[in-house]
Amino acid sequence: MKYGHDVFDRERYEQIRQIAAEMMTAKTGMPIEKVKTLFCGDEGYQTPKIETRAAIFKSDKILLVHEKLTDDWSLLGGWCEANLSTEENCIKEAEEESGRDVKPIN
């Protein structure tokens, strides 16, 4: 817990984490130990795990990246930074993964 100041902050934080795990278990039917393994292991500053994806077209083609971990193809993207907008995150991820300058079309 990054911003906790004392043992009481830590206790409250752990209670909230437990309640969140129980809620996820109730919603998904996933065993609570699996939920805790997936979502409750992070230390430090907790943020929602949100990602963005960018669809990049050229004529009738779309740019995809090969995901090494899953051996799948996907749109360019990744985890969002908390201090950036959705658009800024899309641009950042697309530029990081493609090595090209990217401009959104509205």
C-alpha atoms as a PDB file:
ATOM      1  CA  MET A   1       0.000   0.000   0.000  1.00  0.00           C
ATOM      2  CA  LYS A   2       1.790   3.068  -1.289  1.00  0.00           C
ATOM      3  CA  TYR A   3       0.021   5.886   0.546  1.00  0.00           C
ATOM      4  CA  GLY A   4      -0.835   4.199   3.847  1.00  0.00           C
ATOM      5  CA  HIS A   5       0.385   6.010   6.915  1.00  0.00           C
ATOM      6  CA  ASP A   6      -0.209   3.492   9.681  1.00  0.00           C
ATOM      7  CA  VAL A   7      -1.418   0.003  10.567  1.00  0.00           C
ATOM      8  CA  PHE A   8      -5.053   1.182  10.539  1.00  0.00           C
ATOM      9  CA  ASP A   9      -4.796   2.342   6.915  1.00  0.00           C
ATOM     10  CA  ARG A  10      -3.363  -1.071   6.006  1.00  0.00           C
ATOM     11  CA  GLU A  11      -6.188  -2.902   7.807  1.00  0.00           C
ATOM     12  CA  ARG A  12      -8.869  -0.824   6.050  1.00  0.00           C
ATOM     13  CA  TYR A  13      -7.178  -1.328   2.700  1.00  0.00           C
ATOM     14  CA  GLU A  14      -7.014  -5.107   3.204  1.00  0.00           C
ATOM     15  CA  GLN A  15     -10.707  -5.166   4.201  1.00  0.00           C
ATOM     16  CA  ILE A  16     -11.636  -3.303   1.010  1.00  0.00           C
ATOM     17  CA  ARG A  17      -9.495  -5.678  -1.050  1.00  0.00           C
ATOM     18  CA  GLN A  18     -11.249  -8.679   0.585  1.00  0.00           C
ATOM     19  CA  ILE A  19     -14.708  -7.196  -0.104  1.00  0.00           C
ATOM     20  CA  ALA A  20     -13.753  -6.515  -3.733  1.00  0.00           C
ATOM     21  CA  ALA A  21     -12.552 -10.119  -4.136  1.00  0.00           C
ATOM     22  CA  GLU A  22     -15.819 -11.413  -2.647  1.00  0.00           C
ATOM     23  CA  MET A  23     -17.821  -9.212  -5.029  1.00  0.00           C
ATOM     24  CA  MET A  24     -15.856 -10.511  -8.021  1.00  0.00           C
ATOM     25  CA  THR A  25     -16.415 -14.098  -6.864  1.00  0.00           C
ATOM     26  CA  ALA A  26     -20.157 -13.477  -6.480  1.00  0.00           C
ATOM     27  CA  LYS A  27     -20.380 -11.920  -9.943  1.00  0.00           C
ATOM     28  CA  THR A  28     -18.228 -14.422 -11.862  1.00  0.00           C
ATOM     29  CA  GLY A  29     -18.527 -17.655  -9.896  1.00  0.00           C
ATOM     30  CA  MET A  30     -14.737 -17.866  -9.910  1.00  0.00           C
ATOM     31  CA  PRO A  31     -13.237 -19.357  -6.719  1.00  0.00           C
ATOM     32  CA  ILE A  32     -12.105 -16.622  -4.336  1.00  0.00           C
ATOM     33  CA  GLU A  33      -8.536 -17.947  -4.197  1.00  0.00           C
ATOM     34  CA  LYS A  34      -8.304 -17.611  -7.999  1.00  0.00           C
ATOM     35  CA  VAL A  35      -9.681 -14.055  -7.777  1.00  0.00           C
ATOM     36  CA  LYS A  36      -7.121 -13.178  -5.116  1.00  0.00           C
ATOM     37  CA  THR A  37      -4.315 -14.646  -7.226  1.00  0.00           C
ATOM     38  CA  LEU A  38      -5.383 -12.628 -10.272  1.00  0.00           C
ATOM     39  CA  PHE A  39      -6.363  -9.326  -8.683  1.00  0.00           C
ATOM     40  CA  CYS A  40      -5.096  -9.039  -5.139  1.00  0.00           C
ATOM     41  CA  GLY A  41      -1.370  -9.515  -5.559  1.00  0.00           C
ATOM     42  CA  ASP A  42      -0.499  -5.971  -6.582  1.00  0.00           C
ATOM     43  CA  GLU A  43       1.411  -3.899  -4.093  1.00  0.00           C
ATOM     44  CA  GLY A  44       1.780  -0.138  -4.170  1.00  0.00           C
ATOM     45  CA  TYR A  45      -0.646   2.204  -5.891  1.00  0.00           C
ATOM     46  CA  GLN A  46      -3.746   0.362  -7.056  1.00  0.00           C
ATOM     47  CA  THR A  47      -5.476   1.397 -10.258  1.00  0.00           C
ATOM     48  CA  PRO A  48      -8.081  -0.286 -12.422  1.00  0.00           C
ATOM     49  CA  LYS A  49      -6.479  -2.422 -15.116  1.00  0.00           C
ATOM     50  CA  ILE A  50      -7.854  -0.698 -18.202  1.00  0.00           C
ATOM     51  CA  GLU A  51      -6.398  -0.951 -21.665  1.00  0.00           C
ATOM     52  CA  THR A  52      -6.944   0.775 -24.985  1.00  0.00           C
ATOM     53  CA  ARG A  53      -6.625  -0.530 -28.527  1.00  0.00           C
ATOM     54  CA  ALA A  54      -6.109   1.401 -31.754  1.00  0.00           C
ATOM     55  CA  ALA A  55      -7.453   0.335 -35.153  1.00  0.00           C
ATOM     56  CA  ILE A  56      -5.003   1.613 -37.775  1.00  0.00           C
ATOM     57  CA  PHE A  57      -6.068   1.377 -41.414  1.00  0.00           C
ATOM     58  CA  LYS A  58      -4.244   1.930 -44.699  1.00  0.00           C
ATOM     59  CA  SER A  59      -6.488   1.498 -47.732  1.00  0.00           C
ATOM     60  CA  ASP A  60      -8.227  -1.845 -47.169  1.00  0.00           C
ATOM     61  CA  LYS A  61      -5.649  -3.173 -44.693  1.00  0.00           C
ATOM     62  CA  ILE A  62      -5.471  -3.040 -40.890  1.00  0.00           C
ATOM     63  CA  LEU A  63      -2.301  -3.061 -38.811  1.00  0.00           C
ATOM     64  CA  LEU A  64      -2.065  -5.877 -36.258  1.00  0.00           C
ATOM     65  CA  VAL A  65       0.669  -6.924 -33.846  1.00  0.00           C
ATOM     66  CA  HIS A  66       1.710 -10.439 -32.950  1.00  0.00           C
ATOM     67  CA  GLU A  67       1.259 -11.163 -29.243  1.00  0.00           C
ATOM     68  CA  LYS A  68       4.199 -13.361 -28.251  1.00  0.00           C
ATOM     69  CA  LEU A  69       2.644 -14.632 -25.016  1.00  0.00           C
ATOM     70  CA  THR A  70      -0.533 -15.947 -26.644  1.00  0.00           C
ATOM     71  CA  ASP A  71       0.653 -16.352 -30.266  1.00  0.00           C
ATOM     72  CA  ASP A  72      -2.403 -14.313 -31.335  1.00  0.00           C
ATOM     73  CA  TRP A  73      -2.770 -11.225 -33.525  1.00  0.00           C
ATOM     74  CA  SER A  74      -4.367  -8.099 -32.062  1.00  0.00           C
ATOM     75  CA  LEU A  75      -4.882  -4.385 -32.469  1.00  0.00           C
ATOM     76  CA  LEU A  76      -2.098  -2.178 -31.120  1.00  0.00           C
ATOM     77  CA  GLY A  77      -2.664  -1.217 -27.508  1.00  0.00           C
ATOM     78  CA  GLY A  78      -1.913  -1.812 -23.883  1.00  0.00           C
ATOM     79  CA  TRP A  79      -2.483  -0.763 -20.291  1.00  0.00           C
ATOM     80  CA  CYS A  80      -3.672   2.804 -19.747  1.00  0.00           C
ATOM     81  CA  GLU A  81      -1.614   5.288 -17.811  1.00  0.00           C
ATOM     82  CA  ALA A  82      -3.751   6.963 -15.137  1.00  0.00           C
ATOM     83  CA  ASN A  83      -2.583  10.471 -16.035  1.00  0.00           C
ATOM     84  CA  LEU A  84      -3.450  10.227 -19.770  1.00  0.00           C
ATOM     85  CA  SER A  85      -6.783  10.445 -21.594  1.00  0.00           C
ATOM     86  CA  THR A  86      -8.115   7.509 -23.614  1.00  0.00           C
ATOM     87  CA  GLU A  87      -6.977   9.202 -26.822  1.00  0.00           C
ATOM     88  CA  GLU A  88      -3.513   9.926 -25.420  1.00  0.00           C
ATOM     89  CA  ASN A  89      -3.177   6.317 -24.261  1.00  0.00           C
ATOM     90  CA  CYS A  90      -4.176   4.999 -27.703  1.00  0.00           C
ATOM     91  CA  ILE A  91      -1.619   7.229 -29.387  1.00  0.00           C
ATOM     92  CA  LYS A  92       1.114   6.310 -26.895  1.00  0.00           C
ATOM     93  CA  GLU A  93       0.543   2.574 -27.237  1.00  0.00           C
ATOM     94  CA  ALA A  94       0.221   2.642 -31.031  1.00  0.00           C
ATOM     95  CA  GLU A  95       3.415   4.684 -31.384  1.00  0.00           C
ATOM     96  CA  GLU A  96       5.307   2.432 -28.952  1.00  0.00           C
ATOM     97  CA  GLU A  97       4.248  -0.740 -30.727  1.00  0.00           C
ATOM     98  CA  SER A  98       4.510   0.455 -34.325  1.00  0.00           C
ATOM     99  CA  GLY A  99       7.409   2.898 -34.107  1.00  0.00           C
ATOM    100  CA  ARG A 100       5.366   5.334 -36.224  1.00  0.00           C
ATOM    101  CA  ASP A 101       3.740   8.690 -35.536  1.00  0.00           C
ATOM    102  CA  VAL A 102      -0.011   8.251 -35.085  1.00  0.00           C
ATOM    103  CA  LYS A 103      -2.842  10.782 -35.467  1.00  0.00           C
ATOM    104  CA  PRO A 104      -6.446   9.954 -34.565  1.00  0.00           C
ATOM    105  CA  ILE A 105      -9.196  10.592 -37.093  1.00  0.00           C
ATOM    106  CA  ASN A 106     -12.370  12.013 -35.581  1.00  0.00           C
END
